[in-house]
Amino acid sequence: VFYGFILWATIVFTGIGMEFFCHSLLIKDAWDQNTENRWQFVQFLYPLLASSAVGMAHSNNFWALPLITLTLYKFGFPETILYLYSGMFDESLNVGLRWKEMLDGIGNVIHH
């Protein structure tokens, strides 16, 4: 159980770190058509990479850990951090929508 928790925490913190890095490097100014194309490509690769990571884990290959981290966090595209940010700081949303965004972000962290 302890080993599983350590793996989960490592994947979550690494994934959130990738999201911060990707957001600050690639998407900080605007979401343009090029970024949308990349996002669609990552979404397309998700099932293939997830299946590959599960197969690698089944054969006790530790390369499954970096692959599953890249896959779960979709190569760092900032899903989780944007939900949490909107829930905490976006004053243009009403209270109900802010709670929804915050709960989506928390659910995303738990889900991963």
PDB file of N, CA and C in Angstrom:
ATOM      1  N   VAL A   1       0.832  -1.190   0.000  1.00  0.00           N
ATOM      2  CA  VAL A   1       0.000   0.000   0.000  1.00  0.00           C
ATOM      3  C   VAL A   1       0.878   1.256   0.000  1.00  0.00           C
ATOM      4  N   PHE A   2       1.913   1.256   0.827  1.00  0.00           N
ATOM      5  CA  PHE A   2       2.806   2.416   0.899  1.00  0.00           C
ATOM      6  C   PHE A   2       3.490   2.666  -0.444  1.00  0.00           C
ATOM      7  N   TYR A   3       3.951   1.601  -1.070  1.00  0.00           N
ATOM      8  CA  TYR A   3       4.612   1.705  -2.367  1.00  0.00           C
ATOM      9  C   TYR A   3       3.651   2.285  -3.416  1.00  0.00           C
ATOM     10  N   GLY A   4       2.418   1.829  -3.406  1.00  0.00           N
ATOM     11  CA  GLY A   4       1.416   2.353  -4.335  1.00  0.00           C
ATOM     12  C   GLY A   4       1.144   3.826  -4.108  1.00  0.00           C
ATOM     13  N   PHE A   5       1.074   4.230  -2.838  1.00  0.00           N
ATOM     14  CA  PHE A   5       0.851   5.646  -2.527  1.00  0.00           C
ATOM     15  C   PHE A   5       2.016   6.500  -3.015  1.00  0.00           C
ATOM     16  N   ILE A   6       3.236   6.022  -2.809  1.00  0.00           N
ATOM     17  CA  ILE A   6       4.416   6.769  -3.260  1.00  0.00           C
ATOM     18  C   ILE A   6       4.403   6.911  -4.784  1.00  0.00           C
ATOM     19  N   LEU A   7       4.060   5.841  -5.495  1.00  0.00           N
ATOM     20  CA  LEU A   7       3.970   5.916  -6.956  1.00  0.00           C
ATOM     21  C   LEU A   7       2.899   6.912  -7.385  1.00  0.00           C
ATOM     22  N   TRP A   8       1.728   6.843  -6.746  1.00  0.00           N
ATOM     23  CA  TRP A   8       0.638   7.766  -7.083  1.00  0.00           C
ATOM     24  C   TRP A   8       1.069   9.212  -6.847  1.00  0.00           C
ATOM     25  N   ALA A   9       1.664   9.485  -5.684  1.00  0.00           N
ATOM     26  CA  ALA A   9       2.086  10.854  -5.368  1.00  0.00           C
ATOM     27  C   ALA A   9       3.140  11.338  -6.353  1.00  0.00           C
ATOM     28  N   THR A  10       4.066  10.468  -6.716  1.00  0.00           N
ATOM     29  CA  THR A  10       5.100  10.848  -7.689  1.00  0.00           C
ATOM     30  C   THR A  10       4.482  11.204  -9.030  1.00  0.00           C
ATOM     31  N   ILE A  11       3.539  10.393  -9.489  1.00  0.00           N
ATOM     32  CA  ILE A  11       2.883  10.655 -10.770  1.00  0.00           C
ATOM     33  C   ILE A  11       2.082  11.951 -10.718  1.00  0.00           C
ATOM     34  N   VAL A  12       1.329  12.170  -9.642  1.00  0.00           N
ATOM     35  CA  VAL A  12       0.502  13.381  -9.538  1.00  0.00           C
ATOM     36  C   VAL A  12       1.366  14.635  -9.488  1.00  0.00           C
ATOM     37  N   PHE A  13       2.387  14.654  -8.640  1.00  0.00           N
ATOM     38  CA  PHE A  13       3.213  15.860  -8.523  1.00  0.00           C
ATOM     39  C   PHE A  13       4.026  16.109  -9.788  1.00  0.00           C
ATOM     40  N   THR A  14       4.503  15.055 -10.410  1.00  0.00           N
ATOM     41  CA  THR A  14       5.221  15.220 -11.681  1.00  0.00           C
ATOM     42  C   THR A  14       4.278  15.734 -12.760  1.00  0.00           C
ATOM     43  N   GLY A  15       3.066  15.183 -12.806  1.00  0.00           N
ATOM     44  CA  GLY A  15       2.085  15.616 -13.803  1.00  0.00           C
ATOM     45  C   GLY A  15       1.679  17.066 -13.638  1.00  0.00           C
ATOM     46  N   ILE A  16       1.443  17.476 -12.401  1.00  0.00           N
ATOM     47  CA  ILE A  16       1.075  18.879 -12.157  1.00  0.00           C
ATOM     48  C   ILE A  16       2.250  19.790 -12.484  1.00  0.00           C
ATOM     49  N   GLY A  17       3.458  19.336 -12.166  1.00  0.00           N
ATOM     50  CA  GLY A  17       4.645  20.106 -12.553  1.00  0.00           C
ATOM     51  C   GLY A  17       4.760  20.252 -14.059  1.00  0.00           C
ATOM     52  N   MET A  18       4.455  19.168 -14.793  1.00  0.00           N
ATOM     53  CA  MET A  18       4.470  19.253 -16.259  1.00  0.00           C
ATOM     54  C   MET A  18       3.430  20.246 -16.754  1.00  0.00           C
ATOM     55  N   GLU A  19       2.269  20.277 -16.104  1.00  0.00           N
ATOM     56  CA  GLU A  19       1.226  21.225 -16.516  1.00  0.00           C
ATOM     57  C   GLU A  19       1.695  22.663 -16.307  1.00  0.00           C
ATOM     58  N   PHE A  20       2.305  22.957 -15.161  1.00  0.00           N
ATOM     59  CA  PHE A  20       2.828  24.308 -14.927  1.00  0.00           C
ATOM     60  C   PHE A  20       3.886  24.663 -15.964  1.00  0.00           C
ATOM     61  N   PHE A  21       4.783  23.726 -16.238  1.00  0.00           N
ATOM     62  CA  PHE A  21       5.847  23.960 -17.203  1.00  0.00           C
ATOM     63  C   PHE A  21       5.277  24.205 -18.598  1.00  0.00           C
ATOM     64  N   CYS A  22       4.359  23.362 -19.022  1.00  0.00           N
ATOM     65  CA  CYS A  22       3.755  23.501 -20.348  1.00  0.00           C
ATOM     66  C   CYS A  22       2.983  24.809 -20.454  1.00  0.00           C
ATOM     67  N   HIS A  23       2.247  25.148 -19.396  1.00  0.00           N
ATOM     68  CA  HIS A  23       1.471  26.386 -19.420  1.00  0.00           C
ATOM     69  C   HIS A  23       2.391  27.596 -19.519  1.00  0.00           C
ATOM     70  N   SER A  24       3.445  27.615 -18.732  1.00  0.00           N
ATOM     71  CA  SER A  24       4.332  28.781 -18.748  1.00  0.00           C
ATOM     72  C   SER A  24       5.146  28.865 -20.036  1.00  0.00           C
ATOM     73  N   LEU A  25       5.412  27.732 -20.655  1.00  0.00           N
ATOM     74  CA  LEU A  25       6.251  27.716 -21.848  1.00  0.00           C
ATOM     75  C   LEU A  25       5.455  27.883 -23.140  1.00  0.00           C
ATOM     76  N   LEU A  26       4.316  27.203 -23.234  1.00  0.00           N
ATOM     77  CA  LEU A  26       3.611  27.119 -24.512  1.00  0.00           C
ATOM     78  C   LEU A  26       2.327  27.927 -24.597  1.00  0.00           C
ATOM     79  N   ILE A  27       1.557  27.976 -23.522  1.00  0.00           N
ATOM     80  CA  ILE A  27       0.181  28.441 -23.640  1.00  0.00           C
ATOM     81  C   ILE A  27      -0.090  29.714 -22.856  1.00  0.00           C
ATOM     82  N   LYS A  28       0.910  30.332 -22.259  1.00  0.00           N
ATOM     83  CA  LYS A  28       0.672  31.438 -21.346  1.00  0.00           C
ATOM     84  C   LYS A  28      -0.029  32.631 -21.978  1.00  0.00           C
ATOM     85  N   ASP A  29       0.202  32.872 -23.269  1.00  0.00           N
ATOM     86  CA  ASP A  29      -0.360  34.063 -23.887  1.00  0.00           C
ATOM     87  C   ASP A  29      -1.731  33.821 -24.509  1.00  0.00           C
ATOM     88  N   ALA A  30      -1.841  32.782 -25.318  1.00  0.00           N
ATOM     89  CA  ALA A  30      -3.103  32.557 -26.012  1.00  0.00           C
ATOM     90  C   ALA A  30      -3.197  31.108 -26.479  1.00  0.00           C
ATOM     91  N   TRP A  31      -4.410  30.687 -26.647  1.00  0.00           N
ATOM     92  CA  TRP A  31      -4.687  29.356 -27.186  1.00  0.00           C
ATOM     93  C   TRP A  31      -5.009  29.557 -28.659  1.00  0.00           C
ATOM     94  N   ASP A  32      -4.032  29.313 -29.531  1.00  0.00           N
ATOM     95  CA  ASP A  32      -4.231  29.537 -30.956  1.00  0.00           C
ATOM     96  C   ASP A  32      -4.523  28.216 -31.675  1.00  0.00           C
ATOM     97  N   GLN A  33      -4.637  28.277 -32.979  1.00  0.00           N
ATOM     98  CA  GLN A  33      -4.968  27.085 -33.766  1.00  0.00           C
ATOM     99  C   GLN A  33      -3.862  26.033 -33.686  1.00  0.00           C
ATOM    100  N   ASN A  34      -2.622  26.471 -33.622  1.00  0.00           N
ATOM    101  CA  ASN A  34      -1.505  25.540 -33.506  1.00  0.00           C
ATOM    102  C   ASN A  34      -1.574  24.757 -32.183  1.00  0.00           C
ATOM    103  N   THR A  35      -1.884  25.460 -31.104  1.00  0.00           N
ATOM    104  CA  THR A  35      -2.042  24.800 -29.806  1.00  0.00           C
ATOM    105  C   THR A  35      -3.227  23.848 -29.829  1.00  0.00           C
ATOM    106  N   GLU A  36      -4.310  24.248 -30.463  1.00  0.00           N
ATOM    107  CA  GLU A  36      -5.486  23.380 -30.588  1.00  0.00           C
ATOM    108  C   GLU A  36      -5.141  22.110 -31.359  1.00  0.00           C
ATOM    109  N   ASN A  37      -4.357  22.232 -32.415  1.00  0.00           N
ATOM    110  CA  ASN A  37      -3.944  21.057 -33.194  1.00  0.00           C
ATOM    111  C   ASN A  37      -3.102  20.108 -32.352  1.00  0.00           C
ATOM    112  N   ARG A  38      -2.187  20.660 -31.572  1.00  0.00           N
ATOM    113  CA  ARG A  38      -1.382  19.823 -30.672  1.00  0.00           C
ATOM    114  C   ARG A  38      -2.262  19.101 -29.666  1.00  0.00           C
ATOM    115  N   TRP A  39      -3.229  19.839 -29.105  1.00  0.00           N
ATOM    116  CA  TRP A  39      -4.152  19.258 -28.123  1.00  0.00           C
ATOM    117  C   TRP A  39      -4.943  18.109 -28.744  1.00  0.00           C
ATOM    118  N   GLN A  40      -5.434  18.283 -29.944  1.00  0.00           N
ATOM    119  CA  GLN A  40      -6.178  17.222 -30.625  1.00  0.00           C
ATOM    120  C   GLN A  40      -5.287  16.004 -30.886  1.00  0.00           C
ATOM    121  N   PHE A  41      -4.028  16.235 -31.250  1.00  0.00           N
ATOM    122  CA  PHE A  41      -3.099  15.130 -31.497  1.00  0.00           C
ATOM    123  C   PHE A  41      -2.825  14.350 -30.205  1.00  0.00           C
ATOM    124  N   VAL A  42      -2.615  15.064 -29.102  1.00  0.00           N
ATOM    125  CA  VAL A  42      -2.396  14.402 -27.812  1.00  0.00           C
ATOM    126  C   VAL A  42      -3.633  13.613 -27.404  1.00  0.00           C
ATOM    127  N   GLN A  43      -4.818  14.173 -27.618  1.00  0.00           N
ATOM    128  CA  GLN A  43      -6.060  13.450 -27.315  1.00  0.00           C
ATOM    129  C   GLN A  43      -6.156  12.167 -28.151  1.00  0.00           C
ATOM    130  N   PHE A  44      -5.725  12.242 -29.393  1.00  0.00           N
ATOM    131  CA  PHE A  44      -5.747  11.090 -30.289  1.00  0.00           C
ATOM    132  C   PHE A  44      -4.793   9.992 -29.804  1.00  0.00           C
ATOM    133  N   LEU A  45      -3.622  10.387 -29.309  1.00  0.00           N
ATOM    134  CA  LEU A  45      -2.623   9.413 -28.858  1.00  0.00           C
ATOM    135  C   LEU A  45      -2.951   8.781 -27.508  1.00  0.00           C
ATOM    136  N   TYR A  46      -3.833   9.401 -26.744  1.00  0.00           N
ATOM    137  CA  TYR A  46      -4.105   8.958 -25.372  1.00  0.00           C
ATOM    138  C   TYR A  46      -4.418   7.461 -25.254  1.00  0.00           C
ATOM    139  N   PRO A  47      -5.366   6.904 -26.000  1.00  0.00           N
ATOM    140  CA  PRO A  47      -5.682   5.474 -25.820  1.00  0.00           C
ATOM    141  C   PRO A  47      -4.506   4.548 -26.151  1.00  0.00           C
ATOM    142  N   LEU A  48      -3.762   4.895 -27.192  1.00  0.00           N
ATOM    143  CA  LEU A  48      -2.616   4.074 -27.571  1.00  0.00           C
ATOM    144  C   LEU A  48      -1.543   4.093 -26.487  1.00  0.00           C
ATOM    145  N   LEU A  49      -1.224   5.269 -25.986  1.00  0.00           N
ATOM    146  CA  LEU A  49      -0.192   5.382 -24.969  1.00  0.00           C
ATOM    147  C   LEU A  49      -0.629   4.763 -23.641  1.00  0.00           C
ATOM    148  N   ALA A  50      -1.894   4.932 -23.283  1.00  0.00           N
ATOM    149  CA  ALA A  50      -2.384   4.327 -22.044  1.00  0.00           C
ATOM    150  C   ALA A  50      -2.335   2.809 -22.130  1.00  0.00           C
ATOM    151  N   SER A  51      -2.736   2.255 -23.244  1.00  0.00           N
ATOM    152  CA  SER A  51      -2.676   0.798 -23.433  1.00  0.00           C
ATOM    153  C   SER A  51      -1.238   0.301 -23.399  1.00  0.00           C
ATOM    154  N   SER A  52      -0.343   1.037 -24.014  1.00  0.00           N
ATOM    155  CA  SER A  52       1.069   0.658 -24.004  1.00  0.00           C
ATOM    156  C   SER A  52       1.632   0.688 -22.588  1.00  0.00           C
ATOM    157  N   ALA A  53       1.291   1.717 -21.832  1.00  0.00           N
ATOM    158  CA  ALA A  53       1.796   1.828 -20.460  1.00  0.00           C
ATOM    159  C   ALA A  53       1.270   0.704 -19.583  1.00  0.00           C
ATOM    160  N   VAL A  54       0.002   0.355 -19.754  1.00  0.00           N
ATOM    161  CA  VAL A  54      -0.560  -0.757 -18.973  1.00  0.00           C
ATOM    162  C   VAL A  54       0.128  -2.066 -19.342  1.00  0.00           C
ATOM    163  N   GLY A  55       0.366  -2.279 -20.628  1.00  0.00           N
ATOM    164  CA  GLY A  55       1.081  -3.480 -21.058  1.00  0.00           C
ATOM    165  C   GLY A  55       2.491  -3.531 -20.514  1.00  0.00           C
ATOM    166  N   MET A  56       3.176  -2.394 -20.506  1.00  0.00           N
ATOM    167  CA  MET A  56       4.524  -2.342 -19.954  1.00  0.00           C
ATOM    168  C   MET A  56       4.512  -2.612 -18.453  1.00  0.00           C
ATOM    169  N   ALA A  57       3.538  -2.050 -17.754  1.00  0.00           N
ATOM    170  CA  ALA A  57       3.443  -2.288 -16.309  1.00  0.00           C
ATOM    171  C   ALA A  57       3.146  -3.756 -16.017  1.00  0.00           C
ATOM    172  N   HIS A  58       2.327  -4.364 -16.854  1.00  0.00           N
ATOM    173  CA  HIS A  58       1.994  -5.780 -16.677  1.00  0.00           C
ATOM    174  C   HIS A  58       3.230  -6.669 -16.813  1.00  0.00           C
ATOM    175  N   SER A  59       4.172  -6.245 -17.637  1.00  0.00           N
ATOM    176  CA  SER A  59       5.410  -7.026 -17.809  1.00  0.00           C
ATOM    177  C   SER A  59       6.531  -6.511 -16.898  1.00  0.00           C
ATOM    178  N   ASN A  60       6.155  -5.742 -15.867  1.00  0.00           N
ATOM    179  CA  ASN A  60       7.095  -5.217 -14.863  1.00  0.00           C
ATOM    180  C   ASN A  60       8.192  -4.334 -15.462  1.00  0.00           C
ATOM    181  N   ASN A  61       7.854  -3.585 -16.481  1.00  0.00           N
ATOM    182  CA  ASN A  61       8.782  -2.660 -17.102  1.00  0.00           C
ATOM    183  C   ASN A  61       8.581  -1.281 -16.461  1.00  0.00           C
ATOM    184  N   PHE A  62       9.614  -0.763 -15.803  1.00  0.00           N
ATOM    185  CA  PHE A  62       9.472   0.505 -15.096  1.00  0.00           C
ATOM    186  C   PHE A  62       9.393   1.715 -16.023  1.00  0.00           C
ATOM    187  N   TRP A  63       9.624   1.536 -17.327  1.00  0.00           N
ATOM    188  CA  TRP A  63       9.393   2.634 -18.265  1.00  0.00           C
ATOM    189  C   TRP A  63       7.907   2.971 -18.359  1.00  0.00           C
ATOM    190  N   ALA A  64       7.075   2.119 -17.785  1.00  0.00           N
ATOM    191  CA  ALA A  64       5.637   2.409 -17.758  1.00  0.00           C
ATOM    192  C   ALA A  64       5.349   3.651 -16.920  1.00  0.00           C
ATOM    193  N   LEU A  65       6.142   3.914 -15.885  1.00  0.00           N
ATOM    194  CA  LEU A  65       5.888   5.075 -15.018  1.00  0.00           C
ATOM    195  C   LEU A  65       6.011   6.407 -15.752  1.00  0.00           C
ATOM    196  N   PRO A  66       7.125   6.665 -16.459  1.00  0.00           N
ATOM    197  CA  PRO A  66       7.146   7.940 -17.188  1.00  0.00           C
ATOM    198  C   PRO A  66       6.102   8.001 -18.300  1.00  0.00           C
ATOM    199  N   LEU A  67       5.847   6.862 -18.945  1.00  0.00           N
ATOM    200  CA  LEU A  67       4.860   6.858 -20.025  1.00  0.00           C
ATOM    201  C   LEU A  67       3.455   7.111 -19.485  1.00  0.00           C
ATOM    202  N   ILE A  68       3.106   6.510 -18.358  1.00  0.00           N
ATOM    203  CA  ILE A  68       1.759   6.728 -17.805  1.00  0.00           C
ATOM    204  C   ILE A  68       1.624   8.162 -17.296  1.00  0.00           C
ATOM    205  N   THR A  69       2.720   8.745 -16.793  1.00  0.00           N
ATOM    206  CA  THR A  69       2.660  10.142 -16.353  1.00  0.00           C
ATOM    207  C   THR A  69       2.421  11.069 -17.541  1.00  0.00           C
ATOM    208  N   LEU A  70       3.162  10.866 -18.622  1.00  0.00           N
ATOM    209  CA  LEU A  70       2.935  11.665 -19.830  1.00  0.00           C
ATOM    210  C   LEU A  70       1.520  11.473 -20.364  1.00  0.00           C
ATOM    211  N   THR A  71       1.039  10.239 -20.294  1.00  0.00           N
ATOM    212  CA  THR A  71      -0.280   9.929 -20.838  1.00  0.00           C
ATOM    213  C   THR A  71      -1.391  10.529 -19.985  1.00  0.00           C
ATOM    214  N   LEU A  72      -1.360  10.293 -18.675  1.00  0.00           N
ATOM    215  CA  LEU A  72      -2.428  10.787 -17.806  1.00  0.00           C
ATOM    216  C   LEU A  72      -2.526  12.304 -17.814  1.00  0.00           C
ATOM    217  N   TYR A  73      -1.389  12.950 -17.913  1.00  0.00           N
ATOM    218  CA  TYR A  73      -1.395  14.406 -17.915  1.00  0.00           C
ATOM    219  C   TYR A  73      -1.271  14.979 -19.321  1.00  0.00           C
ATOM    220  N   LYS A  74      -1.540  14.146 -20.313  1.00  0.00           N
ATOM    221  CA  LYS A  74      -1.625  14.555 -21.716  1.00  0.00           C
ATOM    222  C   LYS A  74      -0.493  15.488 -22.115  1.00  0.00           C
ATOM    223  N   PHE A  75       0.716  15.011 -21.857  1.00  0.00           N
ATOM    224  CA  PHE A  75       1.948  15.715 -22.222  1.00  0.00           C
ATOM    225  C   PHE A  75       2.031  17.112 -21.618  1.00  0.00           C
ATOM    226  N   GLY A  76       1.365  17.332 -20.515  1.00  0.00           N
ATOM    227  CA  GLY A  76       1.483  18.589 -19.794  1.00  0.00           C
ATOM    228  C   GLY A  76       0.477  19.653 -20.160  1.00  0.00           C
ATOM    229  N   PHE A  77      -0.460  19.363 -21.041  1.00  0.00           N
ATOM    230  CA  PHE A  77      -1.483  20.369 -21.326  1.00  0.00           C
ATOM    231  C   PHE A  77      -2.255  20.641 -20.040  1.00  0.00           C
ATOM    232  N   PRO A  78      -2.396  21.907 -19.650  1.00  0.00           N
ATOM    233  CA  PRO A  78      -2.858  22.257 -18.299  1.00  0.00           C
ATOM    234  C   PRO A  78      -4.366  22.115 -18.093  1.00  0.00           C
ATOM    235  N   GLU A  79      -4.798  20.908 -17.845  1.00  0.00           N
ATOM    236  CA  GLU A  79      -6.205  20.660 -17.531  1.00  0.00           C
ATOM    237  C   GLU A  79      -6.455  20.895 -16.044  1.00  0.00           C
ATOM    238  N   THR A  80      -5.734  20.177 -15.218  1.00  0.00           N
ATOM    239  CA  THR A  80      -5.958  20.197 -13.774  1.00  0.00           C
ATOM    240  C   THR A  80      -5.729  21.586 -13.194  1.00  0.00           C
ATOM    241  N   ILE A  81      -4.603  22.205 -13.538  1.00  0.00           N
ATOM    242  CA  ILE A  81      -4.299  23.500 -12.918  1.00  0.00           C
ATOM    243  C   ILE A  81      -5.261  24.598 -13.371  1.00  0.00           C
ATOM    244  N   LEU A  82      -5.794  24.491 -14.580  1.00  0.00           N
ATOM    245  CA  LEU A  82      -6.741  25.514 -15.033  1.00  0.00           C
ATOM    246  C   LEU A  82      -8.084  25.379 -14.330  1.00  0.00           C
ATOM    247  N   TYR A  83      -8.517  24.145 -14.072  1.00  0.00           N
ATOM    248  CA  TYR A  83      -9.740  23.957 -13.277  1.00  0.00           C
ATOM    249  C   TYR A  83      -9.561  24.552 -11.883  1.00  0.00           C
ATOM    250  N   LEU A  84      -8.447  24.213 -11.235  1.00  0.00           N
ATOM    251  CA  LEU A  84      -8.200  24.715  -9.879  1.00  0.00           C
ATOM    252  C   LEU A  84      -8.058  26.234  -9.871  1.00  0.00           C
ATOM    253  N   TYR A  85      -7.361  26.776 -10.851  1.00  0.00           N
ATOM    254  CA  TYR A  85      -7.181  28.229 -10.930  1.00  0.00           C
ATOM    255  C   TYR A  85      -8.532  28.933 -11.110  1.00  0.00           C
ATOM    256  N   SER A  86      -9.360  28.406 -12.025  1.00  0.00           N
ATOM    257  CA  SER A  86     -10.673  29.022 -12.250  1.00  0.00           C
ATOM    258  C   SER A  86     -11.520  28.979 -10.986  1.00  0.00           C
ATOM    259  N   GLY A  87     -11.471  27.871 -10.294  1.00  0.00           N
ATOM    260  CA  GLY A  87     -12.261  27.738  -9.071  1.00  0.00           C
ATOM    261  C   GLY A  87     -11.821  28.687  -7.970  1.00  0.00           C
ATOM    262  N   MET A  88     -10.538  28.950  -7.897  1.00  0.00           N
ATOM    263  CA  MET A  88     -10.034  29.788  -6.811  1.00  0.00           C
ATOM    264  C   MET A  88     -10.003  31.274  -7.153  1.00  0.00           C
ATOM    265  N   PHE A  89      -9.705  31.620  -8.411  1.00  0.00           N
ATOM    266  CA  PHE A  89      -9.383  33.016  -8.701  1.00  0.00           C
ATOM    267  C   PHE A  89     -10.241  33.701  -9.763  1.00  0.00           C
ATOM    268  N   ASP A  90     -11.035  32.980 -10.532  1.00  0.00           N
ATOM    269  CA  ASP A  90     -11.774  33.608 -11.626  1.00  0.00           C
ATOM    270  C   ASP A  90     -13.041  34.269 -11.100  1.00  0.00           C
ATOM    271  N   GLU A  91     -12.958  35.561 -10.849  1.00  0.00           N
ATOM    272  CA  GLU A  91     -14.085  36.290 -10.276  1.00  0.00           C
ATOM    273  C   GLU A  91     -15.173  36.606 -11.294  1.00  0.00           C
ATOM    274  N   SER A  92     -14.915  36.324 -12.574  1.00  0.00           N
ATOM    275  CA  SER A  92     -15.954  36.545 -13.576  1.00  0.00           C
ATOM    276  C   SER A  92     -17.024  35.451 -13.524  1.00  0.00           C
ATOM    277  N   LEU A  93     -16.717  34.344 -12.860  1.00  0.00           N
ATOM    278  CA  LEU A  93     -17.684  33.254 -12.717  1.00  0.00           C
ATOM    279  C   LEU A  93     -18.495  33.446 -11.440  1.00  0.00           C
ATOM    280  N   ASN A  94     -19.750  32.980 -11.470  1.00  0.00           N
ATOM    281  CA  ASN A  94     -20.532  33.051 -10.245  1.00  0.00           C
ATOM    282  C   ASN A  94     -20.067  31.960  -9.273  1.00  0.00           C
ATOM    283  N   VAL A  95     -20.552  32.015  -8.057  1.00  0.00           N
ATOM    284  CA  VAL A  95     -20.078  31.111  -7.005  1.00  0.00           C
ATOM    285  C   VAL A  95     -20.311  29.646  -7.373  1.00  0.00           C
ATOM    286  N   GLY A  96     -21.446  29.341  -7.960  1.00  0.00           N
ATOM    287  CA  GLY A  96     -21.733  27.962  -8.347  1.00  0.00           C
ATOM    288  C   GLY A  96     -20.751  27.420  -9.369  1.00  0.00           C
ATOM    289  N   LEU A  97     -20.441  28.224 -10.375  1.00  0.00           N
ATOM    290  CA  LEU A  97     -19.476  27.791 -11.393  1.00  0.00           C
ATOM    291  C   LEU A  97     -18.067  27.670 -10.824  1.00  0.00           C
ATOM    292  N   ARG A  98     -17.727  28.562  -9.891  1.00  0.00           N
ATOM    293  CA  ARG A  98     -16.408  28.455  -9.268  1.00  0.00           C
ATOM    294  C   ARG A  98     -16.294  27.172  -8.458  1.00  0.00           C
ATOM    295  N   TRP A  99     -17.352  26.809  -7.740  1.00  0.00           N
ATOM    296  CA  TRP A  99     -17.348  25.537  -6.996  1.00  0.00           C
ATOM    297  C   TRP A  99     -17.234  24.358  -7.951  1.00  0.00           C
ATOM    298  N   LYS A 100     -17.954  24.447  -9.063  1.00  0.00           N
ATOM    299  CA  LYS A 100     -17.892  23.367 -10.059  1.00  0.00           C
ATOM    300  C   LYS A 100     -16.482  23.200 -10.601  1.00  0.00           C
ATOM    301  N   GLU A 101     -15.837  24.318 -10.956  1.00  0.00           N
ATOM    302  CA  GLU A 101     -14.474  24.268 -11.474  1.00  0.00           C
ATOM    303  C   GLU A 101     -13.521  23.697 -10.418  1.00  0.00           C
ATOM    304  N   MET A 102     -13.676  24.133  -9.175  1.00  0.00           N
ATOM    305  CA  MET A 102     -12.809  23.653  -8.105  1.00  0.00           C
ATOM    306  C   MET A 102     -12.990  22.149  -7.890  1.00  0.00           C
ATOM    307  N   LEU A 103     -14.229  21.697  -7.871  1.00  0.00           N
ATOM    308  CA  LEU A 103     -14.490  20.267  -7.694  1.00  0.00           C
ATOM    309  C   LEU A 103     -14.005  19.462  -8.893  1.00  0.00           C
ATOM    310  N   ASP A 104     -14.113  20.016 -10.096  1.00  0.00           N
ATOM    311  CA  ASP A 104     -13.547  19.344 -11.275  1.00  0.00           C
ATOM    312  C   ASP A 104     -12.037  19.190 -11.134  1.00  0.00           C
ATOM    313  N   GLY A 105     -11.376  20.234 -10.659  1.00  0.00           N
ATOM    314  CA  GLY A 105      -9.927  20.173 -10.466  1.00  0.00           C
ATOM    315  C   GLY A 105      -9.529  19.152  -9.411  1.00  0.00           C
ATOM    316  N   ILE A 106     -10.247  19.145  -8.292  1.00  0.00           N
ATOM    317  CA  ILE A 106      -9.955  18.173  -7.230  1.00  0.00           C
ATOM    318  C   ILE A 106     -10.230  16.755  -7.726  1.00  0.00           C
ATOM    319  N   GLY A 107     -11.334  16.583  -8.438  1.00  0.00           N
ATOM    320  CA  GLY A 107     -11.651  15.276  -8.993  1.00  0.00           C
ATOM    321  C   GLY A 107     -10.601  14.812  -9.997  1.00  0.00           C
ATOM    322  N   ASN A 108     -10.070  15.756 -10.747  1.00  0.00           N
ATOM    323  CA  ASN A 108      -9.020  15.421 -11.716  1.00  0.00           C
ATOM    324  C   ASN A 108      -7.756  14.952 -11.011  1.00  0.00           C
ATOM    325  N   VAL A 109      -7.393  15.607  -9.905  1.00  0.00           N
ATOM    326  CA  VAL A 109      -6.217  15.188  -9.127  1.00  0.00           C
ATOM    327  C   VAL A 109      -6.436  13.789  -8.561  1.00  0.00           C
ATOM    328  N   ILE A 110      -7.596  13.552  -7.973  1.00  0.00           N
ATOM    329  CA  ILE A 110      -7.888  12.237  -7.403  1.00  0.00           C
ATOM    330  C   ILE A 110      -7.955  11.180  -8.488  1.00  0.00           C
ATOM    331  N   HIS A 111      -8.532  11.526  -9.603  1.00  0.00           N
ATOM    332  CA  HIS A 111      -8.671  10.599 -10.728  1.00  0.00           C
ATOM    333  C   HIS A 111      -7.312  10.115 -11.226  1.00  0.00           C
ATOM    334  N   HIS A 112      -6.348  11.005 -11.269  1.00  0.00           N
ATOM    335  CA  HIS A 112      -5.025  10.629 -11.759  1.00  0.00           C
ATOM    336  C   HIS A 112      -4.287   9.872 -10.686  1.00  0.00           C
TER     337      HIS A 112
END
